[in-house]
Amino acid sequence: MTTFFGRTFVRQTDPSFRKTIKHQEYNCHVYVSSDQLAGVIFADEEYPSRVAFTLLNKVLDDFRVAYPSGAWRTAEVDNSCPLPKLDEFVAKYQDPHNADPLLKIMKDLDETKVILHKTIDSALERGQKLDELIDKSNDLSSMSKSFYKQSKDINKCSCAIL
């Protein structure tokens, strides 16, 4: 089925264009280069299109190096032009965050943002606690002044009685 859909989608894609076609719960990423060499990747919806097209470019470039001067044009459809590095590419791109430096940076930034939000929240919480301590300190200070005045007044009264 993937071969049939892949060929159909390649025929619908103009040379030098990229296209992502949704089919059921999958996205089919198609790239037809200007020399008519085409690549197709079926991936789930969460897989980033940018990474899929990067993988397609690498595979097609590697294929051109392995079969220079358009030798693939005369090859039969039965996979008579195998690409040994294909398994290596597929293994590397299983996790798009490890394969694509930009996605990795974005993931790291998201993690940093979460940590930063937690830090800010805890700092704000500490700030609220500091405000409470300042209020309590002010209350204690005014109470101690009141106590000092009262004790001074009582001390004057007790001195006058003696």
Foldseek 3Di string as FASTA:
>chain_A
DCVVVLVVVLVVDDEPDWDWDDDDQWIWIWHQHNVRDIDIDIDGPPQDNVLVVVLRVVQVVQLCVQPPPPPVVPDDPPCPRPDVCPVVSCVQCVPVLRNDVVNVVVVVVVVVVVVVVVVVVVVVVVVVVVVVVVVVVVVVVVVVVVVVVVVVVVVVVVVVVD
